[in-house]
Amino acid sequence: MEEWERFLSPYKQAVDELKVKLKGIRKDYELDSHSSPVEFVTARVKPVQSIIEKASARNIPYDQLREGMYDIAGIRIMCQFVDDIKAIREKISKRGDMTVVEERDYIENTKESGYRSYHMIIEYPVETIDGTAYVLAEIQIRTLAMNFWATIEHTLNYKYSGEYPPEIRQRLQNAAEAAYLLDQEMSEIREEIQEAQKYYTKKRNI
């Protein structure tokens, strides 16, 4: 277990730092009195057992985990509107403290299951006592509706190991479409929602 602790140490540091930095995007917008595209940020380091299972399923040798597994460190950014995803993606792409390695658009290219999200794989430098360690991390950007669906699907996937009964599969696809329509409707009244939120915040602070 000590070896795993040593291996995961830079990932844990990366997750802590990235969470603070990406939350900072929200604060920057608020200081400028603009509506932030970032609703909230969560982060995690993949559990050891999950790493072992994924490495086994994908035939990734343990000495190639750093290069072969890009989601040991995971960051999730939630936003209210679909258009916010593009704004966050552009902010991340322009940063000098991380490098975008790959992007996967599961919003334009929705998965068959109905999964929607925007993924960015980045390389992030972590300063350790042994020098700079460059770790890969996956940033997922999604709306609250997309996240609700994905969270439920992830739980069901564990139960059925991806082999859903036909009825469950169909209901998941229906729910994914409903989440998509919800995002579309919210985007149509975005200005009204944001004005109401500003009014509420101002009134609360008086």
N, C-alpha and C. Protein backbone atom coordinates (compact mmCIF):
# COMPACT_ATOMS: atom_id res chain seq x y z
N MET A 1 0.84 -1.22 0.00
CA MET A 1 0.00 0.00 0.00
C MET A 1 0.86 1.25 0.00
N GLU A 2 2.03 1.15 0.60
CA GLU A 2 2.93 2.30 0.64
C GLU A 2 3.36 2.72 -0.77
N GLU A 3 3.54 1.73 -1.65
CA GLU A 3 3.92 2.02 -3.03
C GLU A 3 2.80 2.78 -3.75
N TRP A 4 1.57 2.38 -3.49
CA TRP A 4 0.43 3.08 -4.09
C TRP A 4 0.33 4.51 -3.57
N GLU A 5 0.57 4.69 -2.28
CA GLU A 5 0.53 6.03 -1.70
C GLU A 5 1.56 6.93 -2.38
N ARG A 6 2.75 6.38 -2.60
CA ARG A 6 3.80 7.15 -3.25
C ARG A 6 3.43 7.48 -4.70
N PHE A 7 2.85 6.48 -5.37
CA PHE A 7 2.45 6.67 -6.77
C PHE A 7 1.35 7.72 -6.90
N LEU A 8 0.38 7.69 -5.98
CA LEU A 8 -0.78 8.58 -6.08
C LEU A 8 -0.53 9.98 -5.51
N SER A 9 0.56 10.15 -4.80
CA SER A 9 0.84 11.43 -4.15
C SER A 9 0.79 12.62 -5.10
N PRO A 10 1.47 12.59 -6.27
CA PRO A 10 1.39 13.75 -7.17
C PRO A 10 -0.01 13.96 -7.73
N TYR A 11 -0.79 12.89 -7.88
CA TYR A 11 -2.16 13.03 -8.37
C TYR A 11 -3.03 13.74 -7.33
N LYS A 12 -2.83 13.38 -6.07
CA LYS A 12 -3.59 14.03 -5.01
C LYS A 12 -3.24 15.52 -4.93
N GLN A 13 -1.97 15.82 -5.10
CA GLN A 13 -1.54 17.21 -5.09
C GLN A 13 -2.13 17.96 -6.28
N ALA A 14 -2.12 17.31 -7.44
CA ALA A 14 -2.67 17.94 -8.65
C ALA A 14 -4.15 18.23 -8.49
N VAL A 15 -4.90 17.28 -7.93
CA VAL A 15 -6.33 17.45 -7.72
C VAL A 15 -6.61 18.62 -6.78
N ASP A 16 -5.85 18.71 -5.69
CA ASP A 16 -6.04 19.81 -4.73
C ASP A 16 -5.78 21.16 -5.39
N GLU A 17 -4.70 21.24 -6.16
CA GLU A 17 -4.34 22.50 -6.79
C GLU A 17 -5.32 22.88 -7.89
N LEU A 18 -5.69 21.92 -8.71
CA LEU A 18 -6.60 22.19 -9.82
C LEU A 18 -7.98 22.61 -9.33
N LYS A 19 -8.43 22.00 -8.26
CA LYS A 19 -9.74 22.36 -7.71
C LYS A 19 -9.75 23.82 -7.29
N VAL A 20 -8.71 24.25 -6.62
CA VAL A 20 -8.63 25.66 -6.18
C VAL A 20 -8.54 26.59 -7.39
N LYS A 21 -7.70 26.25 -8.36
CA LYS A 21 -7.51 27.11 -9.52
C LYS A 21 -8.78 27.24 -10.36
N LEU A 22 -9.46 26.13 -10.58
CA LEU A 22 -10.65 26.17 -11.43
C LEU A 22 -11.83 26.81 -10.71
N LYS A 23 -11.87 26.69 -9.38
CA LYS A 23 -12.88 27.43 -8.62
C LYS A 23 -12.63 28.93 -8.74
N GLY A 24 -11.36 29.29 -8.94
CA GLY A 24 -10.99 30.69 -9.08
C GLY A 24 -11.64 31.36 -10.27
N ILE A 25 -11.99 30.58 -11.30
CA ILE A 25 -12.67 31.14 -12.47
C ILE A 25 -13.98 31.79 -12.03
N ARG A 26 -14.71 31.10 -11.15
CA ARG A 26 -15.99 31.63 -10.66
C ARG A 26 -15.77 32.94 -9.91
N LYS A 27 -14.75 32.98 -9.06
CA LYS A 27 -14.48 34.18 -8.27
C LYS A 27 -14.11 35.36 -9.16
N ASP A 28 -13.33 35.08 -10.24
CA ASP A 28 -12.94 36.15 -11.16
C ASP A 28 -14.16 36.79 -11.81
N TYR A 29 -15.11 35.97 -12.23
CA TYR A 29 -16.33 36.49 -12.85
C TYR A 29 -17.14 37.31 -11.85
N GLU A 30 -17.22 36.80 -10.63
CA GLU A 30 -18.01 37.50 -9.60
C GLU A 30 -17.41 38.85 -9.26
N LEU A 31 -16.08 38.93 -9.24
CA LEU A 31 -15.41 40.21 -8.97
C LEU A 31 -15.70 41.24 -10.04
N ASP A 32 -15.92 40.75 -11.27
CA ASP A 32 -16.25 41.65 -12.38
C ASP A 32 -17.75 41.84 -12.53
N SER A 33 -18.50 41.32 -11.54
CA SER A 33 -19.97 41.43 -11.54
C SER A 33 -20.60 40.78 -12.77
N HIS A 34 -19.98 39.70 -13.25
CA HIS A 34 -20.53 38.95 -14.37
C HIS A 34 -21.02 37.59 -13.88
N SER A 35 -21.98 37.05 -14.58
CA SER A 35 -22.45 35.71 -14.24
C SER A 35 -21.37 34.70 -14.59
N SER A 36 -21.05 33.84 -13.64
CA SER A 36 -19.97 32.87 -13.85
C SER A 36 -20.48 31.65 -14.61
N PRO A 37 -19.68 31.15 -15.57
CA PRO A 37 -20.06 29.90 -16.25
C PRO A 37 -19.85 28.69 -15.33
N VAL A 38 -19.09 28.86 -14.26
CA VAL A 38 -18.81 27.76 -13.33
C VAL A 38 -19.82 27.79 -12.19
N GLU A 39 -20.57 26.72 -12.05
CA GLU A 39 -21.51 26.60 -10.94
C GLU A 39 -20.78 26.04 -9.71
N PHE A 40 -20.14 24.90 -9.87
CA PHE A 40 -19.27 24.39 -8.81
C PHE A 40 -18.30 23.36 -9.39
N VAL A 41 -17.28 23.02 -8.60
CA VAL A 41 -16.21 22.12 -9.04
C VAL A 41 -16.05 21.00 -8.02
N THR A 42 -15.93 19.77 -8.51
CA THR A 42 -15.62 18.64 -7.65
C THR A 42 -14.36 17.95 -8.19
N ALA A 43 -13.71 17.17 -7.35
CA ALA A 43 -12.48 16.51 -7.77
C ALA A 43 -12.28 15.23 -6.98
N ARG A 44 -11.54 14.29 -7.57
CA ARG A 44 -11.23 13.05 -6.88
C ARG A 44 -10.03 12.38 -7.53
N VAL A 45 -9.38 11.52 -6.75
CA VAL A 45 -8.35 10.63 -7.27
C VAL A 45 -8.97 9.24 -7.32
N LYS A 46 -8.80 8.57 -8.44
CA LYS A 46 -9.42 7.25 -8.62
C LYS A 46 -8.92 6.28 -7.55
N PRO A 47 -9.83 5.54 -6.91
CA PRO A 47 -9.42 4.56 -5.89
C PRO A 47 -8.50 3.50 -6.47
N VAL A 48 -7.64 2.95 -5.63
CA VAL A 48 -6.66 1.95 -6.08
C VAL A 48 -7.35 0.78 -6.76
N GLN A 49 -8.43 0.27 -6.16
CA GLN A 49 -9.11 -0.88 -6.74
C GLN A 49 -9.63 -0.59 -8.14
N SER A 50 -10.13 0.63 -8.35
CA SER A 50 -10.62 1.02 -9.67
C SER A 50 -9.48 1.11 -10.68
N ILE A 51 -8.33 1.58 -10.21
CA ILE A 51 -7.16 1.65 -11.08
C ILE A 51 -6.74 0.24 -11.51
N ILE A 52 -6.69 -0.67 -10.56
CA ILE A 52 -6.30 -2.06 -10.84
C ILE A 52 -7.28 -2.70 -11.83
N GLU A 53 -8.58 -2.51 -11.60
CA GLU A 53 -9.59 -3.10 -12.48
C GLU A 53 -9.51 -2.53 -13.89
N LYS A 54 -9.31 -1.22 -14.00
CA LYS A 54 -9.24 -0.60 -15.33
C LYS A 54 -7.96 -1.00 -16.05
N ALA A 55 -6.86 -1.06 -15.32
CA ALA A 55 -5.59 -1.47 -15.92
C ALA A 55 -5.70 -2.89 -16.45
N SER A 56 -6.37 -3.75 -15.70
CA SER A 56 -6.55 -5.14 -16.13
C SER A 56 -7.44 -5.23 -17.36
N ALA A 57 -8.54 -4.46 -17.36
CA ALA A 57 -9.48 -4.51 -18.48
C ALA A 57 -8.87 -3.97 -19.77
N ARG A 58 -7.95 -3.01 -19.65
CA ARG A 58 -7.35 -2.38 -20.83
C ARG A 58 -5.91 -2.82 -21.09
N ASN A 59 -5.49 -3.83 -20.34
CA ASN A 59 -4.14 -4.37 -20.52
C ASN A 59 -3.05 -3.31 -20.42
N ILE A 60 -3.18 -2.46 -19.41
CA ILE A 60 -2.17 -1.42 -19.18
C ILE A 60 -1.19 -1.91 -18.12
N PRO A 61 0.08 -2.09 -18.47
CA PRO A 61 1.07 -2.53 -17.46
C PRO A 61 1.20 -1.50 -16.35
N TYR A 62 1.47 -1.96 -15.13
CA TYR A 62 1.56 -1.04 -14.00
C TYR A 62 2.66 0.00 -14.18
N ASP A 63 3.73 -0.36 -14.90
CA ASP A 63 4.81 0.61 -15.09
C ASP A 63 4.50 1.62 -16.18
N GLN A 64 3.29 1.51 -16.77
CA GLN A 64 2.87 2.47 -17.80
C GLN A 64 1.57 3.19 -17.41
N LEU A 65 1.23 3.13 -16.15
CA LEU A 65 -0.01 3.76 -15.69
C LEU A 65 -0.02 5.26 -15.91
N ARG A 66 1.10 5.91 -15.66
CA ARG A 66 1.15 7.38 -15.78
C ARG A 66 0.86 7.83 -17.21
N GLU A 67 1.32 7.05 -18.19
CA GLU A 67 1.10 7.41 -19.58
C GLU A 67 -0.19 6.82 -20.14
N GLY A 68 -0.57 5.65 -19.62
CA GLY A 68 -1.69 4.92 -20.22
C GLY A 68 -3.05 5.16 -19.61
N MET A 69 -3.10 5.78 -18.43
CA MET A 69 -4.38 6.04 -17.78
C MET A 69 -4.50 7.53 -17.48
N TYR A 70 -5.40 8.18 -18.19
CA TYR A 70 -5.48 9.64 -18.14
C TYR A 70 -6.44 10.19 -17.09
N ASP A 71 -7.21 9.30 -16.44
CA ASP A 71 -8.24 9.80 -15.52
C ASP A 71 -8.01 9.38 -14.07
N ILE A 72 -6.77 9.11 -13.71
CA ILE A 72 -6.49 8.82 -12.29
C ILE A 72 -6.83 10.05 -11.46
N ALA A 73 -6.49 11.22 -11.98
CA ALA A 73 -6.93 12.48 -11.38
C ALA A 73 -8.12 12.99 -12.19
N GLY A 74 -9.22 13.25 -11.51
CA GLY A 74 -10.42 13.69 -12.21
C GLY A 74 -11.01 14.95 -11.61
N ILE A 75 -11.33 15.90 -12.50
CA ILE A 75 -11.98 17.16 -12.09
C ILE A 75 -13.30 17.26 -12.84
N ARG A 76 -14.33 17.68 -12.15
CA ARG A 76 -15.62 17.86 -12.80
C ARG A 76 -16.10 19.29 -12.56
N ILE A 77 -16.40 19.98 -13.65
CA ILE A 77 -16.90 21.35 -13.57
C ILE A 77 -18.35 21.37 -14.01
N MET A 78 -19.23 21.83 -13.13
CA MET A 78 -20.64 21.92 -13.45
C MET A 78 -21.03 23.36 -13.79
N CYS A 79 -21.92 23.48 -14.76
CA CYS A 79 -22.41 24.80 -15.14
C CYS A 79 -23.92 24.73 -15.36
N GLN A 80 -24.54 25.89 -15.48
CA GLN A 80 -25.99 25.93 -15.62
C GLN A 80 -26.45 25.76 -17.06
N PHE A 81 -25.69 26.32 -17.99
CA PHE A 81 -26.13 26.36 -19.39
C PHE A 81 -25.12 25.71 -20.32
N VAL A 82 -25.61 25.16 -21.41
CA VAL A 82 -24.75 24.48 -22.38
C VAL A 82 -23.68 25.43 -22.93
N ASP A 83 -24.06 26.68 -23.20
CA ASP A 83 -23.09 27.64 -23.74
C ASP A 83 -21.94 27.92 -22.78
N ASP A 84 -22.16 27.70 -21.49
CA ASP A 84 -21.10 27.90 -20.50
C ASP A 84 -19.95 26.93 -20.71
N ILE A 85 -20.26 25.76 -21.24
CA ILE A 85 -19.23 24.74 -21.45
C ILE A 85 -18.16 25.26 -22.38
N LYS A 86 -18.57 25.92 -23.46
CA LYS A 86 -17.61 26.49 -24.41
C LYS A 86 -16.75 27.56 -23.75
N ALA A 87 -17.36 28.39 -22.92
CA ALA A 87 -16.62 29.46 -22.25
C ALA A 87 -15.57 28.88 -21.30
N ILE A 88 -15.93 27.84 -20.57
CA ILE A 88 -14.99 27.21 -19.65
C ILE A 88 -13.87 26.53 -20.42
N ARG A 89 -14.23 25.87 -21.49
CA ARG A 89 -13.23 25.18 -22.33
C ARG A 89 -12.20 26.17 -22.86
N GLU A 90 -12.66 27.35 -23.28
CA GLU A 90 -11.74 28.37 -23.80
C GLU A 90 -10.83 28.91 -22.70
N LYS A 91 -11.38 29.09 -21.50
CA LYS A 91 -10.59 29.56 -20.36
C LYS A 91 -9.46 28.59 -20.05
N ILE A 92 -9.78 27.31 -20.02
CA ILE A 92 -8.79 26.29 -19.70
C ILE A 92 -7.72 26.22 -20.80
N SER A 93 -8.15 26.29 -22.05
CA SER A 93 -7.22 26.18 -23.18
C SER A 93 -6.18 27.29 -23.18
N LYS A 94 -6.53 28.45 -22.64
CA LYS A 94 -5.62 29.60 -22.66
C LYS A 94 -4.70 29.68 -21.45
N ARG A 95 -4.89 28.78 -20.50
CA ARG A 95 -4.08 28.84 -19.28
C ARG A 95 -2.65 28.41 -19.57
N GLY A 96 -1.72 29.03 -18.84
CA GLY A 96 -0.32 28.69 -19.01
C GLY A 96 0.20 27.69 -18.01
N ASP A 97 -0.65 27.33 -17.02
CA ASP A 97 -0.19 26.41 -15.97
C ASP A 97 -0.62 24.97 -16.21
N MET A 98 -1.18 24.69 -17.38
CA MET A 98 -1.54 23.32 -17.76
C MET A 98 -1.59 23.23 -19.28
N THR A 99 -1.41 22.05 -19.81
CA THR A 99 -1.40 21.86 -21.26
C THR A 99 -2.50 20.88 -21.66
N VAL A 100 -3.33 21.29 -22.60
CA VAL A 100 -4.40 20.41 -23.10
C VAL A 100 -3.78 19.39 -24.04
N VAL A 101 -3.98 18.12 -23.73
CA VAL A 101 -3.42 17.02 -24.53
C VAL A 101 -4.44 16.49 -25.53
N GLU A 102 -5.70 16.44 -25.09
CA GLU A 102 -6.74 15.86 -25.94
C GLU A 102 -8.10 16.39 -25.50
N GLU A 103 -9.03 16.48 -26.45
CA GLU A 103 -10.39 16.90 -26.14
C GLU A 103 -11.39 15.91 -26.75
N ARG A 104 -12.44 15.63 -26.00
CA ARG A 104 -13.47 14.71 -26.47
C ARG A 104 -14.84 15.34 -26.26
N ASP A 105 -15.52 15.60 -27.34
CA ASP A 105 -16.81 16.28 -27.29
C ASP A 105 -17.94 15.26 -27.36
N TYR A 106 -18.48 14.93 -26.19
CA TYR A 106 -19.60 14.00 -26.14
C TYR A 106 -20.94 14.74 -26.08
N ILE A 107 -20.90 16.02 -26.43
CA ILE A 107 -22.14 16.79 -26.54
C ILE A 107 -22.57 16.81 -28.00
N GLU A 108 -21.64 17.18 -28.87
CA GLU A 108 -21.90 17.09 -30.31
C GLU A 108 -21.95 15.63 -30.76
N ASN A 109 -21.11 14.81 -30.13
CA ASN A 109 -21.03 13.38 -30.49
C ASN A 109 -21.52 12.56 -29.30
N THR A 110 -22.82 12.63 -29.06
CA THR A 110 -23.41 11.95 -27.91
C THR A 110 -23.19 10.44 -27.99
N LYS A 111 -22.85 9.84 -26.85
CA LYS A 111 -22.69 8.39 -26.81
C LYS A 111 -24.03 7.71 -27.02
N GLU A 112 -23.98 6.48 -27.46
CA GLU A 112 -25.20 5.72 -27.74
C GLU A 112 -26.10 5.64 -26.51
N SER A 113 -25.49 5.58 -25.33
CA SER A 113 -26.26 5.49 -24.09
C SER A 113 -27.05 6.75 -23.80
N GLY A 114 -26.64 7.87 -24.41
CA GLY A 114 -27.25 9.16 -24.13
C GLY A 114 -26.31 10.09 -23.36
N TYR A 115 -25.13 9.59 -23.02
CA TYR A 115 -24.16 10.36 -22.23
C TYR A 115 -23.72 11.61 -22.98
N ARG A 116 -23.76 12.76 -22.25
CA ARG A 116 -23.30 14.03 -22.80
C ARG A 116 -22.36 14.69 -21.80
N SER A 117 -21.24 15.16 -22.29
CA SER A 117 -20.27 15.85 -21.46
C SER A 117 -19.13 16.29 -22.37
N TYR A 118 -18.33 17.25 -21.90
CA TYR A 118 -17.15 17.67 -22.66
C TYR A 118 -15.92 17.31 -21.83
N HIS A 119 -15.02 16.54 -22.41
CA HIS A 119 -13.84 16.07 -21.69
C HIS A 119 -12.58 16.72 -22.23
N MET A 120 -11.74 17.15 -21.31
CA MET A 120 -10.42 17.68 -21.66
C MET A 120 -9.37 16.91 -20.86
N ILE A 121 -8.41 16.35 -21.55
CA ILE A 121 -7.30 15.67 -20.88
C ILE A 121 -6.12 16.64 -20.87
N ILE A 122 -5.64 16.93 -19.69
CA ILE A 122 -4.56 17.90 -19.56
C ILE A 122 -3.32 17.26 -18.94
N GLU A 123 -2.19 17.90 -19.18
CA GLU A 123 -0.96 17.55 -18.49
C GLU A 123 -0.66 18.67 -17.52
N TYR A 124 -0.46 18.30 -16.27
CA TYR A 124 -0.29 19.32 -15.22
C TYR A 124 1.00 19.07 -14.44
N PRO A 125 1.84 20.10 -14.27
CA PRO A 125 3.09 19.93 -13.53
C PRO A 125 2.89 20.05 -12.03
N VAL A 126 3.43 19.09 -11.31
CA VAL A 126 3.36 19.10 -9.85
C VAL A 126 4.78 19.14 -9.30
N GLU A 127 5.04 20.06 -8.38
CA GLU A 127 6.36 20.15 -7.78
C GLU A 127 6.47 19.20 -6.60
N THR A 128 7.40 18.27 -6.67
CA THR A 128 7.62 17.31 -5.59
C THR A 128 9.05 17.45 -5.07
N ILE A 129 9.38 16.72 -4.01
CA ILE A 129 10.74 16.78 -3.46
C ILE A 129 11.75 16.19 -4.43
N ASP A 130 11.25 15.41 -5.39
CA ASP A 130 12.14 14.80 -6.38
C ASP A 130 12.19 15.60 -7.68
N GLY A 131 11.52 16.77 -7.69
CA GLY A 131 11.49 17.58 -8.90
C GLY A 131 10.07 17.71 -9.44
N THR A 132 9.95 18.14 -10.68
CA THR A 132 8.63 18.34 -11.31
C THR A 132 8.10 17.02 -11.87
N ALA A 133 6.89 16.67 -11.48
CA ALA A 133 6.22 15.48 -12.02
C ALA A 133 5.06 15.95 -12.89
N TYR A 134 5.00 15.45 -14.11
CA TYR A 134 3.91 15.82 -15.02
C TYR A 134 2.86 14.72 -15.01
N VAL A 135 1.68 15.07 -14.55
CA VAL A 135 0.62 14.06 -14.45
C VAL A 135 -0.52 14.40 -15.40
N LEU A 136 -1.19 13.36 -15.87
CA LEU A 136 -2.38 13.55 -16.70
C LEU A 136 -3.61 13.63 -15.81
N ALA A 137 -4.53 14.48 -16.19
CA ALA A 137 -5.79 14.61 -15.45
C ALA A 137 -6.91 14.81 -16.46
N GLU A 138 -8.08 14.34 -16.10
CA GLU A 138 -9.25 14.52 -16.97
C GLU A 138 -10.19 15.54 -16.35
N ILE A 139 -10.54 16.54 -17.16
CA ILE A 139 -11.52 17.54 -16.74
C ILE A 139 -12.81 17.30 -17.51
N GLN A 140 -13.90 17.07 -16.79
CA GLN A 140 -15.20 16.89 -17.40
C GLN A 140 -16.02 18.15 -17.16
N ILE A 141 -16.59 18.69 -18.22
CA ILE A 141 -17.41 19.90 -18.13
C ILE A 141 -18.81 19.55 -18.58
N ARG A 142 -19.78 19.80 -17.73
CA ARG A 142 -21.15 19.42 -18.08
C ARG A 142 -22.16 20.30 -17.35
N THR A 143 -23.38 20.31 -17.85
CA THR A 143 -24.44 21.06 -17.18
C THR A 143 -24.96 20.23 -16.00
N LEU A 144 -25.74 20.88 -15.16
CA LEU A 144 -26.33 20.19 -14.01
C LEU A 144 -27.24 19.05 -14.46
N ALA A 145 -27.96 19.27 -15.56
CA ALA A 145 -28.86 18.22 -16.08
C ALA A 145 -28.04 17.04 -16.60
N MET A 146 -26.98 17.32 -17.34
CA MET A 146 -26.10 16.25 -17.83
C MET A 146 -25.49 15.47 -16.67
N ASN A 147 -25.12 16.19 -15.62
CA ASN A 147 -24.47 15.55 -14.48
C ASN A 147 -25.45 14.65 -13.71
N PHE A 148 -26.69 15.10 -13.58
CA PHE A 148 -27.70 14.28 -12.90
C PHE A 148 -27.87 12.96 -13.63
N TRP A 149 -28.01 13.03 -14.96
CA TRP A 149 -28.18 11.81 -15.75
C TRP A 149 -26.95 10.91 -15.63
N ALA A 150 -25.76 11.49 -15.78
CA ALA A 150 -24.52 10.71 -15.77
C ALA A 150 -24.30 10.03 -14.42
N THR A 151 -24.67 10.71 -13.33
CA THR A 151 -24.51 10.14 -11.99
C THR A 151 -25.40 8.92 -11.81
N ILE A 152 -26.64 9.01 -12.27
CA ILE A 152 -27.57 7.88 -12.18
C ILE A 152 -27.10 6.73 -13.06
N GLU A 153 -26.67 7.05 -14.28
CA GLU A 153 -26.22 6.02 -15.21
C GLU A 153 -24.99 5.29 -14.67
N HIS A 154 -24.10 6.05 -14.03
CA HIS A 154 -22.88 5.47 -13.47
C HIS A 154 -23.23 4.45 -12.38
N THR A 155 -24.21 4.80 -11.55
CA THR A 155 -24.64 3.90 -10.48
C THR A 155 -25.27 2.62 -11.05
N LEU A 156 -26.14 2.79 -12.04
CA LEU A 156 -26.79 1.64 -12.67
C LEU A 156 -25.78 0.75 -13.39
N ASN A 157 -24.75 1.39 -13.95
CA ASN A 157 -23.74 0.64 -14.68
C ASN A 157 -23.03 -0.36 -13.76
N TYR A 158 -22.81 0.06 -12.51
CA TYR A 158 -22.19 -0.84 -11.53
C TYR A 158 -23.10 -2.04 -11.25
N LYS A 159 -24.40 -1.77 -11.14
CA LYS A 159 -25.34 -2.84 -10.84
C LYS A 159 -25.43 -3.86 -11.98
N TYR A 160 -25.49 -3.34 -13.23
CA TYR A 160 -25.70 -4.23 -14.36
C TYR A 160 -24.43 -4.52 -15.17
N SER A 161 -23.30 -3.94 -14.73
CA SER A 161 -22.02 -4.13 -15.44
C SER A 161 -22.13 -3.77 -16.92
N GLY A 162 -22.93 -2.73 -17.19
CA GLY A 162 -23.06 -2.25 -18.57
C GLY A 162 -24.06 -3.02 -19.41
N GLU A 163 -24.54 -4.17 -18.91
CA GLU A 163 -25.50 -4.99 -19.67
C GLU A 163 -26.91 -4.70 -19.16
N TYR A 164 -27.46 -3.56 -19.59
CA TYR A 164 -28.77 -3.15 -19.09
C TYR A 164 -29.90 -3.99 -19.70
N PRO A 165 -30.92 -4.27 -18.90
CA PRO A 165 -32.14 -4.85 -19.48
C PRO A 165 -32.71 -3.86 -20.50
N PRO A 166 -33.36 -4.33 -21.55
CA PRO A 166 -33.89 -3.44 -22.60
C PRO A 166 -34.74 -2.28 -22.07
N GLU A 167 -35.58 -2.56 -21.08
CA GLU A 167 -36.45 -1.51 -20.54
C GLU A 167 -35.62 -0.41 -19.87
N ILE A 168 -34.62 -0.81 -19.08
CA ILE A 168 -33.76 0.17 -18.40
C ILE A 168 -32.98 0.99 -19.42
N ARG A 169 -32.45 0.32 -20.43
CA ARG A 169 -31.69 1.02 -21.47
C ARG A 169 -32.55 2.08 -22.16
N GLN A 170 -33.79 1.70 -22.48
CA GLN A 170 -34.69 2.63 -23.16
C GLN A 170 -35.05 3.81 -22.26
N ARG A 171 -35.27 3.53 -20.97
CA ARG A 171 -35.61 4.61 -20.05
C ARG A 171 -34.43 5.56 -19.85
N LEU A 172 -33.22 5.02 -19.83
CA LEU A 172 -32.04 5.87 -19.73
C LEU A 172 -31.92 6.78 -20.94
N GLN A 173 -32.18 6.23 -22.12
CA GLN A 173 -32.12 7.04 -23.34
C GLN A 173 -33.20 8.10 -23.33
N ASN A 174 -34.39 7.74 -22.84
CA ASN A 174 -35.48 8.72 -22.73
C ASN A 174 -35.11 9.84 -21.74
N ALA A 175 -34.50 9.44 -20.63
CA ALA A 175 -34.09 10.42 -19.62
C ALA A 175 -33.00 11.34 -20.16
N ALA A 176 -32.09 10.78 -20.95
CA ALA A 176 -31.03 11.59 -21.56
C ALA A 176 -31.63 12.63 -22.50
N GLU A 177 -32.64 12.23 -23.26
CA GLU A 177 -33.31 13.16 -24.17
C GLU A 177 -34.05 14.25 -23.38
N ALA A 178 -34.66 13.85 -22.26
CA ALA A 178 -35.36 14.82 -21.42
C ALA A 178 -34.37 15.83 -20.83
N ALA A 179 -33.18 15.35 -20.41
CA ALA A 179 -32.15 16.24 -19.88
C ALA A 179 -31.68 17.21 -20.96
N TYR A 180 -31.55 16.71 -22.17
CA TYR A 180 -31.15 17.56 -23.31
C TYR A 180 -32.19 18.65 -23.56
N LEU A 181 -33.45 18.27 -23.54
CA LEU A 181 -34.52 19.24 -23.77
C LEU A 181 -34.58 20.27 -22.64
N LEU A 182 -34.31 19.83 -21.41
CA LEU A 182 -34.26 20.75 -20.27
C LEU A 182 -33.17 21.79 -20.48
N ASP A 183 -31.99 21.34 -20.90
CA ASP A 183 -30.90 22.27 -21.17
C ASP A 183 -31.28 23.26 -22.27
N GLN A 184 -31.96 22.78 -23.28
CA GLN A 184 -32.38 23.65 -24.38
C GLN A 184 -33.36 24.72 -23.89
N GLU A 185 -34.32 24.30 -23.08
CA GLU A 185 -35.31 25.24 -22.56
C GLU A 185 -34.67 26.28 -21.64
N MET A 186 -33.76 25.85 -20.78
CA MET A 186 -33.09 26.78 -19.89
C MET A 186 -32.24 27.78 -20.66
N SER A 187 -31.65 27.33 -21.76
CA SER A 187 -30.84 28.23 -22.59
C SER A 187 -31.71 29.32 -23.22
N GLU A 188 -32.96 28.97 -23.53
CA GLU A 188 -33.87 29.94 -24.16
C GLU A 188 -34.22 31.09 -23.21
N ILE A 189 -34.23 30.82 -21.91
CA ILE A 189 -34.58 31.87 -20.94
C ILE A 189 -33.37 32.22 -20.06
N ARG A 190 -32.19 32.04 -20.62
CA ARG A 190 -30.96 32.27 -19.87
C ARG A 190 -30.89 33.68 -19.28
N GLU A 191 -31.18 34.68 -20.08
CA GLU A 191 -31.08 36.06 -19.60
C GLU A 191 -32.03 36.31 -18.44
N GLU A 192 -33.24 35.80 -18.54
CA GLU A 192 -34.22 35.97 -17.47
C GLU A 192 -33.73 35.32 -16.17
N ILE A 193 -33.17 34.12 -16.31
CA ILE A 193 -32.67 33.39 -15.13
C ILE A 193 -31.53 34.14 -14.46
N GLN A 194 -30.59 34.62 -15.27
CA GLN A 194 -29.43 35.30 -14.71
C GLN A 194 -29.81 36.63 -14.08
N GLU A 195 -30.77 37.35 -14.65
CA GLU A 195 -31.24 38.59 -14.05
C GLU A 195 -31.90 38.31 -12.70
N ALA A 196 -32.70 37.24 -12.65
CA ALA A 196 -33.35 36.87 -11.40
C ALA A 196 -32.33 36.48 -10.33
N GLN A 197 -31.27 35.78 -10.76
CA GLN A 197 -30.23 35.37 -9.81
C GLN A 197 -29.49 36.58 -9.27
N LYS A 198 -29.20 37.56 -10.13
CA LYS A 198 -28.53 38.79 -9.68
C LYS A 198 -29.40 39.55 -8.68
N TYR A 199 -30.70 39.61 -8.98
CA TYR A 199 -31.63 40.31 -8.10
C TYR A 199 -31.70 39.62 -6.74
N TYR A 200 -31.76 38.30 -6.77
CA TYR A 200 -31.84 37.53 -5.53
C TYR A 200 -30.57 37.73 -4.68
N THR A 201 -29.42 37.66 -5.34
CA THR A 201 -28.14 37.83 -4.63
C THR A 201 -28.03 39.22 -4.01
N LYS A 202 -28.44 40.22 -4.79
CA LYS A 202 -28.37 41.61 -4.29
C LYS A 202 -29.29 41.79 -3.10
N LYS A 203 -30.50 41.27 -3.19
CA LYS A 203 -31.48 41.40 -2.12
C LYS A 203 -31.00 40.67 -0.85
N ARG A 204 -30.40 39.51 -1.04
CA ARG A 204 -29.91 38.71 0.09
C ARG A 204 -28.80 39.41 0.84
N ASN A 205 -27.98 40.16 0.09
CA ASN A 205 -26.81 40.80 0.68
C ASN A 205 -27.13 42.15 1.35
N ILE A 206 -28.34 42.64 1.15
CA ILE A 206 -28.72 43.92 1.77
C ILE A 206 -28.94 43.72 3.27
